[in-house]
Structure formats: C-alpha cells, structure tokens
N, C-alpha and C. Protein backbone atom coordinates (compact mmCIF):
# COMPACT_ATOMS: atom_id res chain seq x y z
N MET A 1 0.81 -1.18 0.00
CA MET A 1 0.00 0.00 0.00
C MET A 1 0.86 1.26 0.00
N PHE A 2 1.92 1.27 0.82
CA PHE A 2 2.77 2.45 0.89
C PHE A 2 3.98 2.36 -0.03
N ALA A 3 4.24 1.22 -0.62
CA ALA A 3 5.46 1.01 -1.40
C ALA A 3 5.56 1.96 -2.59
N LYS A 4 4.49 2.11 -3.37
CA LYS A 4 4.55 2.98 -4.55
C LYS A 4 4.71 4.45 -4.17
N PRO A 5 3.93 4.99 -3.19
CA PRO A 5 4.14 6.40 -2.83
C PRO A 5 5.54 6.65 -2.25
N VAL A 6 6.04 5.72 -1.44
CA VAL A 6 7.38 5.90 -0.85
C VAL A 6 8.43 5.84 -1.95
N ALA A 7 8.31 4.89 -2.87
CA ALA A 7 9.27 4.79 -3.97
C ALA A 7 9.21 6.05 -4.83
N GLY A 8 8.02 6.57 -5.08
CA GLY A 8 7.88 7.80 -5.86
C GLY A 8 8.51 8.99 -5.15
N LEU A 9 8.33 9.07 -3.84
CA LEU A 9 8.92 10.16 -3.06
C LEU A 9 10.44 10.07 -3.07
N ILE A 10 10.98 8.87 -2.92
CA ILE A 10 12.43 8.69 -2.95
C ILE A 10 12.98 9.06 -4.32
N GLY A 11 12.30 8.64 -5.37
CA GLY A 11 12.72 9.00 -6.73
C GLY A 11 12.71 10.50 -6.95
N ALA A 12 11.66 11.17 -6.47
CA ALA A 12 11.57 12.63 -6.62
C ALA A 12 12.70 13.32 -5.86
N LEU A 13 12.98 12.88 -4.64
CA LEU A 13 14.06 13.49 -3.85
C LEU A 13 15.41 13.26 -4.52
N PHE A 14 15.63 12.07 -5.07
CA PHE A 14 16.87 11.76 -5.77
C PHE A 14 17.02 12.68 -6.98
N GLY A 15 15.96 12.89 -7.72
CA GLY A 15 15.99 13.78 -8.89
C GLY A 15 16.31 15.21 -8.50
N VAL A 16 15.71 15.70 -7.41
CA VAL A 16 15.99 17.06 -6.93
C VAL A 16 17.46 17.17 -6.53
N ALA A 17 17.98 16.13 -5.86
CA ALA A 17 19.39 16.16 -5.43
C ALA A 17 20.32 16.23 -6.63
N ILE A 18 20.00 15.47 -7.68
CA ILE A 18 20.84 15.49 -8.88
C ILE A 18 20.78 16.86 -9.54
N LEU A 19 19.58 17.43 -9.66
CA LEU A 19 19.45 18.76 -10.27
C LEU A 19 20.17 19.82 -9.44
N ALA A 20 20.09 19.73 -8.13
CA ALA A 20 20.77 20.70 -7.27
C ALA A 20 22.27 20.58 -7.44
N GLY A 21 22.78 19.36 -7.56
CA GLY A 21 24.21 19.16 -7.77
C GLY A 21 24.67 19.74 -9.09
N CYS A 22 23.87 19.58 -10.13
CA CYS A 22 24.22 20.14 -11.44
C CYS A 22 24.18 21.65 -11.42
N ALA A 23 23.24 22.22 -10.68
CA ALA A 23 23.13 23.68 -10.63
C ALA A 23 24.37 24.30 -10.03
N GLY A 24 25.04 23.60 -9.11
CA GLY A 24 26.22 24.14 -8.46
C GLY A 24 27.46 24.14 -9.34
N THR A 25 27.41 23.49 -10.52
CA THR A 25 28.60 23.43 -11.36
C THR A 25 28.59 24.46 -12.47
N SER A 26 27.61 25.32 -12.49
CA SER A 26 27.51 26.35 -13.52
C SER A 26 28.67 27.33 -13.43
N ASP A 27 29.12 27.83 -14.59
CA ASP A 27 30.20 28.80 -14.59
C ASP A 27 29.73 30.24 -14.42
N VAL A 28 28.47 30.49 -14.58
CA VAL A 28 28.01 31.88 -14.51
C VAL A 28 26.79 32.00 -13.61
N GLY A 29 26.74 33.13 -12.89
CA GLY A 29 25.58 33.49 -12.09
C GLY A 29 25.22 32.47 -11.03
N ALA A 30 24.21 32.78 -10.25
CA ALA A 30 23.61 31.90 -9.26
C ALA A 30 24.61 31.20 -8.36
N GLY A 31 25.69 31.91 -8.02
CA GLY A 31 26.66 31.36 -7.08
C GLY A 31 27.65 30.40 -7.70
N GLY A 32 27.68 30.28 -9.03
CA GLY A 32 28.63 29.40 -9.69
C GLY A 32 30.03 29.98 -9.64
N GLU A 33 30.99 29.27 -10.24
CA GLU A 33 32.39 29.70 -10.20
C GLU A 33 32.59 31.08 -10.78
N GLY A 34 31.86 31.44 -11.81
CA GLY A 34 32.03 32.74 -12.44
C GLY A 34 31.37 33.88 -11.69
N ASP A 35 30.64 33.60 -10.64
CA ASP A 35 29.93 34.63 -9.89
C ASP A 35 30.90 35.33 -8.94
N PRO A 36 31.17 36.65 -9.13
CA PRO A 36 32.13 37.34 -8.29
C PRO A 36 31.73 37.41 -6.83
N SER A 37 30.45 37.23 -6.51
CA SER A 37 30.03 37.30 -5.12
C SER A 37 30.48 36.07 -4.33
N THR A 38 30.83 34.97 -5.01
CA THR A 38 31.22 33.76 -4.30
C THR A 38 32.62 33.30 -4.62
N SER A 39 33.30 33.92 -5.57
CA SER A 39 34.63 33.42 -5.94
C SER A 39 35.66 33.80 -4.89
N THR A 40 36.64 32.93 -4.70
CA THR A 40 37.73 33.18 -3.77
C THR A 40 38.81 33.96 -4.50
N PRO A 41 39.28 35.09 -3.92
CA PRO A 41 40.32 35.86 -4.60
C PRO A 41 41.59 35.03 -4.77
N SER A 42 42.32 35.30 -5.82
CA SER A 42 43.59 34.61 -6.03
C SER A 42 44.60 35.15 -5.02
N PRO A 43 45.75 34.49 -4.87
CA PRO A 43 46.75 34.99 -3.94
C PRO A 43 47.22 36.40 -4.27
N ASN A 44 47.01 36.89 -5.49
CA ASN A 44 47.44 38.23 -5.87
C ASN A 44 46.35 39.27 -5.72
N GLU A 45 45.25 38.91 -5.11
CA GLU A 45 44.10 39.79 -5.08
C GLU A 45 43.45 39.78 -3.71
N SER A 46 43.06 40.97 -3.24
CA SER A 46 42.31 41.04 -1.99
C SER A 46 40.84 40.96 -2.33
N ALA A 47 39.99 40.91 -1.32
CA ALA A 47 38.55 40.86 -1.57
C ALA A 47 38.10 42.13 -2.29
N SER A 48 38.82 43.24 -2.12
CA SER A 48 38.42 44.50 -2.75
C SER A 48 39.22 44.82 -4.00
N GLY A 49 40.15 43.95 -4.42
CA GLY A 49 40.90 44.21 -5.65
C GLY A 49 42.35 43.78 -5.53
N GLU A 50 43.21 44.32 -6.40
CA GLU A 50 44.63 43.95 -6.45
C GLU A 50 45.39 44.45 -5.22
N PHE A 51 46.40 43.67 -4.81
CA PHE A 51 47.30 44.09 -3.76
C PHE A 51 48.37 45.01 -4.34
N ALA A 52 48.93 45.88 -3.51
CA ALA A 52 50.05 46.73 -3.94
C ALA A 52 51.30 45.88 -4.11
N SER A 53 51.46 44.86 -3.25
CA SER A 53 52.57 43.91 -3.39
C SER A 53 52.08 42.54 -2.94
N SER A 54 52.67 41.51 -3.51
CA SER A 54 52.31 40.15 -3.13
C SER A 54 53.43 39.21 -3.55
N GLY A 55 53.41 38.02 -3.01
CA GLY A 55 54.42 37.04 -3.38
C GLY A 55 54.37 35.82 -2.50
N PRO A 56 55.23 34.87 -2.79
CA PRO A 56 55.29 33.65 -1.97
C PRO A 56 55.92 33.94 -0.62
N LEU A 57 55.58 33.12 0.36
CA LEU A 57 56.21 33.21 1.68
C LEU A 57 57.22 32.08 1.82
N THR A 58 58.23 32.33 2.64
CA THR A 58 59.25 31.32 2.90
C THR A 58 58.96 30.69 4.26
N VAL A 59 58.62 29.39 4.24
CA VAL A 59 58.46 28.66 5.49
C VAL A 59 59.84 28.11 5.84
N VAL A 60 60.44 28.72 6.87
CA VAL A 60 61.79 28.37 7.29
C VAL A 60 61.81 26.99 7.93
N GLU A 61 60.76 26.71 8.70
CA GLU A 61 60.67 25.44 9.42
C GLU A 61 59.20 25.15 9.69
N SER A 62 58.83 23.89 9.62
CA SER A 62 57.47 23.47 9.94
C SER A 62 57.56 22.21 10.78
N TYR A 63 56.81 22.15 11.88
CA TYR A 63 56.86 20.98 12.75
C TYR A 63 55.53 20.80 13.46
N ARG A 64 55.27 19.60 13.93
CA ARG A 64 54.00 19.25 14.58
C ARG A 64 54.11 19.49 16.08
N ASP A 65 53.89 20.72 16.49
CA ASP A 65 53.90 21.07 17.91
C ASP A 65 53.62 22.56 18.02
N PHE A 66 53.52 23.03 19.24
CA PHE A 66 53.44 24.47 19.49
C PHE A 66 54.85 25.05 19.43
N PRO A 67 54.98 26.35 19.08
CA PRO A 67 56.30 26.98 19.15
C PRO A 67 56.81 26.97 20.59
N SER A 68 58.11 27.00 20.76
CA SER A 68 58.72 27.05 22.08
C SER A 68 58.15 28.24 22.85
N GLY A 69 57.72 28.00 24.06
CA GLY A 69 57.15 29.05 24.90
C GLY A 69 55.63 29.12 24.84
N VAL A 70 55.02 28.47 23.88
CA VAL A 70 53.56 28.45 23.77
C VAL A 70 53.08 27.09 24.27
N GLU A 71 52.31 27.12 25.36
CA GLU A 71 51.81 25.87 25.93
C GLU A 71 50.40 25.53 25.47
N SER A 72 49.64 26.55 25.12
CA SER A 72 48.30 26.35 24.57
C SER A 72 47.97 27.58 23.73
N LEU A 73 46.94 27.46 22.94
CA LEU A 73 46.57 28.58 22.06
C LEU A 73 45.64 29.54 22.78
N PRO A 74 45.80 30.84 22.52
CA PRO A 74 44.90 31.82 23.13
C PRO A 74 43.45 31.52 22.73
N GLU A 75 42.55 31.65 23.67
CA GLU A 75 41.14 31.40 23.37
C GLU A 75 40.42 32.73 23.24
N ASP A 76 39.67 32.87 22.18
CA ASP A 76 38.83 34.04 21.96
C ASP A 76 37.45 33.51 21.59
N PRO A 77 36.51 33.54 22.57
CA PRO A 77 35.19 32.98 22.30
C PRO A 77 34.44 33.69 21.17
N GLU A 78 34.86 34.90 20.82
CA GLU A 78 34.21 35.65 19.76
C GLU A 78 34.72 35.25 18.37
N ALA A 79 35.91 34.66 18.31
CA ALA A 79 36.54 34.39 17.01
C ALA A 79 36.36 32.93 16.60
N ALA A 80 36.17 32.73 15.32
CA ALA A 80 36.14 31.38 14.75
C ALA A 80 37.50 31.17 14.10
N THR A 81 38.53 31.03 14.93
CA THR A 81 39.90 31.02 14.44
C THR A 81 40.36 29.62 14.10
N TRP A 82 41.04 29.49 12.97
CA TRP A 82 41.65 28.23 12.56
C TRP A 82 43.16 28.40 12.43
N VAL A 83 43.64 29.62 12.68
CA VAL A 83 45.07 29.88 12.64
C VAL A 83 45.41 30.93 13.71
N TRP A 84 46.59 30.79 14.30
CA TRP A 84 47.07 31.75 15.28
C TRP A 84 48.42 32.26 14.81
N ALA A 85 48.76 33.50 15.20
CA ALA A 85 50.01 34.11 14.74
C ALA A 85 50.78 34.67 15.93
N PHE A 86 52.08 34.37 15.98
CA PHE A 86 52.96 34.84 17.04
C PHE A 86 54.16 35.53 16.42
N ALA A 87 54.43 36.77 16.83
CA ALA A 87 55.56 37.55 16.31
C ALA A 87 56.84 37.10 16.99
N ASP A 88 57.88 36.90 16.21
CA ASP A 88 59.20 36.57 16.73
C ASP A 88 59.82 37.88 17.20
N LEU A 89 60.09 38.01 18.48
CA LEU A 89 60.59 39.27 19.05
C LEU A 89 62.03 39.54 18.65
N ASP A 90 62.76 38.52 18.17
CA ASP A 90 64.14 38.70 17.76
C ASP A 90 64.29 39.03 16.27
N ASP A 91 63.22 38.83 15.48
CA ASP A 91 63.28 39.06 14.04
C ASP A 91 61.92 39.57 13.57
N ALA A 92 61.84 40.83 13.22
CA ALA A 92 60.56 41.46 12.84
C ALA A 92 59.98 40.93 11.54
N THR A 93 60.73 40.13 10.79
CA THR A 93 60.21 39.58 9.53
C THR A 93 59.64 38.17 9.70
N VAL A 94 59.67 37.63 10.92
CA VAL A 94 59.26 36.24 11.15
C VAL A 94 57.98 36.18 11.99
N ILE A 95 57.04 35.39 11.49
CA ILE A 95 55.81 35.08 12.22
C ILE A 95 55.74 33.56 12.38
N HIS A 96 55.39 33.12 13.57
CA HIS A 96 55.17 31.71 13.84
C HIS A 96 53.66 31.49 13.74
N PHE A 97 53.21 30.82 12.67
CA PHE A 97 51.80 30.51 12.51
C PHE A 97 51.54 29.13 13.10
N VAL A 98 50.39 28.97 13.75
CA VAL A 98 49.98 27.67 14.28
C VAL A 98 48.59 27.36 13.73
N THR A 99 48.46 26.19 13.11
CA THR A 99 47.16 25.70 12.69
C THR A 99 46.93 24.37 13.40
N GLN A 100 45.68 23.95 13.47
CA GLN A 100 45.39 22.65 14.06
C GLN A 100 44.59 21.83 13.07
N GLY A 101 44.93 20.55 12.99
CA GLY A 101 44.22 19.67 12.08
C GLY A 101 45.02 18.41 11.87
N SER A 102 44.85 17.82 10.70
CA SER A 102 45.51 16.55 10.38
C SER A 102 47.03 16.71 10.36
N SER A 103 47.72 15.79 11.01
CA SER A 103 49.19 15.85 11.01
C SER A 103 49.77 15.51 9.64
N SER A 104 49.03 14.78 8.82
CA SER A 104 49.54 14.42 7.50
C SER A 104 49.13 15.41 6.41
N CYS A 105 48.21 16.31 6.71
CA CYS A 105 47.75 17.31 5.73
C CYS A 105 47.61 18.67 6.42
N PRO A 106 48.69 19.24 6.92
CA PRO A 106 48.57 20.51 7.66
C PRO A 106 48.33 21.70 6.73
N MET A 107 47.74 22.75 7.29
CA MET A 107 47.58 24.02 6.58
C MET A 107 48.86 24.82 6.84
N VAL A 108 49.52 25.27 5.77
CA VAL A 108 50.74 26.07 5.92
C VAL A 108 50.63 27.34 5.09
N PRO A 109 51.33 28.41 5.50
CA PRO A 109 51.28 29.66 4.74
C PRO A 109 51.91 29.48 3.36
N LEU A 110 51.25 30.04 2.36
CA LEU A 110 51.67 29.87 0.98
C LEU A 110 52.15 31.20 0.38
N SER A 111 51.36 32.25 0.57
CA SER A 111 51.68 33.54 -0.04
C SER A 111 51.07 34.67 0.77
N TYR A 112 51.43 35.90 0.40
CA TYR A 112 50.90 37.07 1.10
C TYR A 112 50.49 38.11 0.06
N GLY A 113 49.68 39.03 0.51
CA GLY A 113 49.34 40.20 -0.27
C GLY A 113 49.27 41.38 0.67
N ALA A 114 49.81 42.52 0.27
CA ALA A 114 49.81 43.72 1.13
C ALA A 114 49.18 44.88 0.37
N THR A 115 48.34 45.64 1.07
CA THR A 115 47.72 46.82 0.47
C THR A 115 48.59 48.05 0.71
N ASP A 116 48.25 49.15 0.05
CA ASP A 116 48.97 50.41 0.26
C ASP A 116 48.82 50.91 1.69
N THR A 117 47.75 50.50 2.39
CA THR A 117 47.52 50.96 3.75
C THR A 117 48.20 50.08 4.80
N GLY A 118 48.95 49.06 4.36
CA GLY A 118 49.70 48.22 5.29
C GLY A 118 48.97 46.98 5.75
N GLU A 119 47.75 46.75 5.26
CA GLU A 119 47.04 45.53 5.63
C GLU A 119 47.66 44.35 4.88
N ILE A 120 47.79 43.22 5.57
CA ILE A 120 48.39 42.03 4.96
C ILE A 120 47.42 40.87 5.05
N THR A 121 47.27 40.17 3.93
CA THR A 121 46.49 38.94 3.86
C THR A 121 47.47 37.80 3.63
N VAL A 122 47.31 36.73 4.39
CA VAL A 122 48.15 35.54 4.24
C VAL A 122 47.26 34.41 3.74
N VAL A 123 47.69 33.76 2.66
CA VAL A 123 46.94 32.65 2.07
C VAL A 123 47.58 31.34 2.51
N PHE A 124 46.76 30.44 3.04
CA PHE A 124 47.21 29.13 3.50
C PHE A 124 46.75 28.06 2.52
N GLU A 125 47.47 26.94 2.53
CA GLU A 125 47.15 25.82 1.65
C GLU A 125 47.33 24.53 2.43
N ILE A 126 46.47 23.55 2.16
CA ILE A 126 46.65 22.22 2.73
C ILE A 126 47.80 21.56 1.98
N THR A 127 48.73 20.98 2.73
CA THR A 127 49.84 20.28 2.10
C THR A 127 49.82 18.82 2.51
N SER A 128 50.39 17.99 1.69
CA SER A 128 50.51 16.58 2.02
C SER A 128 51.64 16.00 1.18
N GLU A 129 52.72 15.62 1.85
CA GLU A 129 53.87 15.08 1.14
C GLU A 129 53.48 13.89 0.28
N GLY A 130 53.91 13.92 -0.97
CA GLY A 130 53.63 12.84 -1.89
C GLY A 130 52.27 12.92 -2.56
N GLN A 131 51.44 13.90 -2.16
CA GLN A 131 50.11 14.04 -2.74
C GLN A 131 49.92 15.44 -3.34
N GLU A 132 50.99 16.08 -3.77
CA GLU A 132 50.94 17.46 -4.23
C GLU A 132 49.97 17.66 -5.40
N GLU A 133 49.83 16.66 -6.27
CA GLU A 133 48.98 16.78 -7.45
C GLU A 133 47.55 16.27 -7.21
N THR A 134 47.27 15.80 -5.99
CA THR A 134 45.97 15.21 -5.68
C THR A 134 44.94 16.30 -5.40
N PRO A 135 43.75 16.22 -6.01
CA PRO A 135 42.69 17.20 -5.70
C PRO A 135 42.34 17.13 -4.22
N PRO A 136 41.92 18.26 -3.61
CA PRO A 136 41.69 18.31 -2.16
C PRO A 136 40.67 17.28 -1.67
N GLU A 137 39.65 17.01 -2.46
CA GLU A 137 38.63 16.06 -2.01
C GLU A 137 39.12 14.62 -2.04
N GLU A 138 40.28 14.37 -2.64
CA GLU A 138 40.83 13.01 -2.72
C GLU A 138 42.06 12.81 -1.85
N LEU A 139 42.48 13.82 -1.06
CA LEU A 139 43.65 13.66 -0.20
C LEU A 139 43.41 12.58 0.84
N ALA A 140 44.41 11.78 1.11
CA ALA A 140 44.36 10.79 2.17
C ALA A 140 45.03 11.41 3.39
N CYS A 141 44.23 11.83 4.36
CA CYS A 141 44.73 12.53 5.54
C CYS A 141 44.36 11.77 6.80
N THR A 142 45.24 11.80 7.79
CA THR A 142 44.93 11.17 9.07
C THR A 142 43.82 11.97 9.77
N MET A 143 43.07 11.30 10.61
CA MET A 143 41.95 11.94 11.31
C MET A 143 42.35 12.40 12.71
N ASP A 144 43.62 12.76 12.89
CA ASP A 144 44.05 13.28 14.18
C ASP A 144 43.89 14.80 14.19
N PHE A 145 44.14 15.41 15.31
CA PHE A 145 43.97 16.86 15.47
C PHE A 145 45.16 17.37 16.28
N VAL A 146 46.19 17.84 15.57
CA VAL A 146 47.43 18.26 16.22
C VAL A 146 47.82 19.66 15.74
N PRO A 147 48.59 20.38 16.56
CA PRO A 147 49.08 21.69 16.11
C PRO A 147 50.26 21.53 15.16
N THR A 148 50.31 22.39 14.17
CA THR A 148 51.46 22.48 13.27
C THR A 148 51.95 23.91 13.31
N ALA A 149 53.22 24.10 13.64
CA ALA A 149 53.82 25.43 13.65
C ALA A 149 54.60 25.62 12.36
N SER A 150 54.42 26.77 11.75
CA SER A 150 55.16 27.13 10.53
C SER A 150 55.89 28.43 10.79
N VAL A 151 57.21 28.36 10.89
CA VAL A 151 58.04 29.55 11.10
C VAL A 151 58.19 30.19 9.72
N THR A 152 57.62 31.38 9.56
CA THR A 152 57.46 31.98 8.24
C THR A 152 58.15 33.33 8.14
N ARG A 153 58.95 33.49 7.09
CA ARG A 153 59.67 34.76 6.87
C ARG A 153 58.94 35.59 5.82
N PHE A 154 58.70 36.85 6.17
CA PHE A 154 58.10 37.82 5.27
C PHE A 154 59.21 38.67 4.65
N PRO A 155 58.95 39.30 3.51
CA PRO A 155 59.95 40.20 2.92
C PRO A 155 60.30 41.34 3.89
N GLU A 156 61.57 41.75 3.89
CA GLU A 156 62.05 42.77 4.83
C GLU A 156 61.36 44.11 4.65
N GLU A 157 60.89 44.43 3.44
CA GLU A 157 60.26 45.73 3.21
C GLU A 157 58.87 45.86 3.82
N LEU A 158 58.30 44.74 4.31
CA LEU A 158 56.97 44.78 4.93
C LEU A 158 57.09 45.05 6.42
N THR A 159 56.18 45.82 6.94
CA THR A 159 56.03 45.98 8.38
C THR A 159 54.83 45.14 8.78
N ILE A 160 55.05 44.16 9.64
CA ILE A 160 53.96 43.26 10.04
C ILE A 160 53.05 44.02 11.00
N PRO A 161 51.75 44.14 10.67
CA PRO A 161 50.81 44.84 11.56
C PRO A 161 50.39 43.97 12.74
N ASP A 162 49.60 44.53 13.64
CA ASP A 162 49.11 43.80 14.81
C ASP A 162 48.03 42.78 14.44
N GLN A 163 47.45 42.93 13.25
CA GLN A 163 46.40 42.02 12.79
C GLN A 163 46.72 41.57 11.37
N LEU A 164 46.39 40.33 11.07
CA LEU A 164 46.54 39.81 9.72
C LEU A 164 45.20 39.21 9.30
N THR A 165 44.89 39.32 8.02
CA THR A 165 43.76 38.59 7.48
C THR A 165 44.31 37.28 6.97
N VAL A 166 43.67 36.18 7.32
CA VAL A 166 44.10 34.87 6.86
C VAL A 166 42.95 34.20 6.12
N ARG A 167 43.30 33.50 5.06
CA ARG A 167 42.30 32.72 4.31
C ARG A 167 43.01 31.53 3.71
N ASP A 168 42.24 30.53 3.34
CA ASP A 168 42.87 29.38 2.72
C ASP A 168 42.60 29.42 1.22
N ALA A 169 43.54 28.89 0.46
CA ALA A 169 43.51 28.97 -1.00
C ALA A 169 42.33 28.23 -1.61
N ARG A 170 41.79 27.25 -0.91
CA ARG A 170 40.71 26.44 -1.49
C ARG A 170 39.32 26.84 -0.99
N GLY A 171 39.24 27.84 -0.11
CA GLY A 171 37.94 28.29 0.38
C GLY A 171 37.29 27.34 1.36
N LEU A 172 38.07 26.52 2.06
CA LEU A 172 37.50 25.59 3.02
C LEU A 172 37.06 26.30 4.31
N PHE A 173 37.75 27.38 4.66
CA PHE A 173 37.44 28.14 5.87
C PHE A 173 37.15 29.57 5.48
N GLU A 174 36.36 30.24 6.29
CA GLU A 174 36.10 31.66 6.05
C GLU A 174 37.35 32.47 6.34
N ALA A 175 37.57 33.50 5.52
CA ALA A 175 38.67 34.42 5.82
C ALA A 175 38.38 35.08 7.16
N THR A 176 39.41 35.28 7.94
CA THR A 176 39.22 35.86 9.26
C THR A 176 40.42 36.74 9.60
N THR A 177 40.25 37.59 10.58
CA THR A 177 41.34 38.44 11.06
C THR A 177 41.88 37.85 12.34
N VAL A 178 43.20 37.74 12.43
CA VAL A 178 43.83 37.23 13.65
C VAL A 178 44.79 38.28 14.22
N MET A 179 44.86 38.29 15.52
CA MET A 179 45.81 39.18 16.19
C MET A 179 47.18 38.53 16.16
N VAL A 180 48.21 39.35 16.00
CA VAL A 180 49.59 38.85 16.05
C VAL A 180 50.06 39.06 17.48
N GLU A 181 50.20 37.95 18.20
CA GLU A 181 50.61 37.99 19.61
C GLU A 181 52.14 37.90 19.66
N PRO A 182 52.77 38.48 20.70
CA PRO A 182 54.20 38.29 20.85
C PRO A 182 54.49 36.82 21.24
N LEU A 183 55.53 36.25 20.64
CA LEU A 183 55.92 34.90 20.97
C LEU A 183 56.53 34.88 22.36
N PRO A 184 55.97 34.10 23.29
CA PRO A 184 56.53 34.07 24.64
C PRO A 184 57.95 33.52 24.62
N ALA A 185 58.76 33.98 25.55
CA ALA A 185 60.13 33.47 25.67
C ALA A 185 60.06 32.01 26.03
N GLY A 186 60.84 31.20 25.39
CA GLY A 186 60.76 29.79 25.71
C GLY A 186 62.06 29.17 25.55
C-alpha cells in the first residue's frame, strides 16, 4: 500500500538532489564559479581588488607542535579562528603561525598580499607530502587533530601589523582576522 508512494517520493528526492548538484557546477551566475560574489580571490588579489605587493612566503621550518614558549593557544570565544600568529621578538620579519588539524595534511602559509595601507592577507594551503597533485577532495589525511607550527619569513620591506587577514587557498574556511601575539620566551 505504501510502497509505490514511498518509492515515488524517494525518486523525486533523488531527482531534486541530482538537479541541485548540477546547478552548483555552472560557470556563470547563481553562485557558480564565475559569480564574483562567491569566488575566492587569487593569492594576488584582496577581496576588494589587487594588492600593492604580493608574493610567496618562505616557510623556514614546519613541525608538529606548538612553538617554544607556547603551551596552549589563546582562546577568543568571539573568534572562529583556525590559525594563530605569534611575532618573533628577535626578528621582525618572522611570524610563527599555528594551525590545528591533520598531522599528515597541515595548513601552511603559501603567499601574502599587502595593500597600500599596510594591511596584509596571508593565504594558506593544505599540504601533504607525496600528494601534491591530488585534488583536495581526494587527499588521504589522518583523522588526528594536532598543532602544526610554521616559522614563516616575510619580505624585509613589509612591516607586520598587529592584525593579519588569513584565508585558505581552497575556500574551506572563512577568511578571518587574527591578532599577532608576541611569541613568549621559551
């Protein structure tokens, strides 16, 4: 008695799901890739346009732990933070970034962009040794949750502000502003 209506309802829901999936692959309008309201800026571009300067960042060292002197990450109940930044007090061009996530696929700083007003955006990317050419949805990553510190050198001509905008290259996390805290002596 209920088999035909239930089968019909399941078929209709399956059809709607397929159509919704196809709608998301459009190149123009309605939130597709070509829609400027939803596209992620390239590493050379801020949300409001081109950067005055931009380029790759140099990760001097990356390791699975907190930086020396940091025992836990600062908590800010107002922020949805996925990255923390600590200024190296001995070298004004170095920031120690800390992300948390998979130990085999950590988020590391990739590039920066700076505006004429001194604002800096840092772009992060998921990395995985041996899987550099693998699309993000196919990466084989461990399901652990560990800190990864990336000791990162910025160009000498930049003055690192008290706040940085951080975003990831693939749009997995929302861009957010993080405070640059002094690295505790350790």
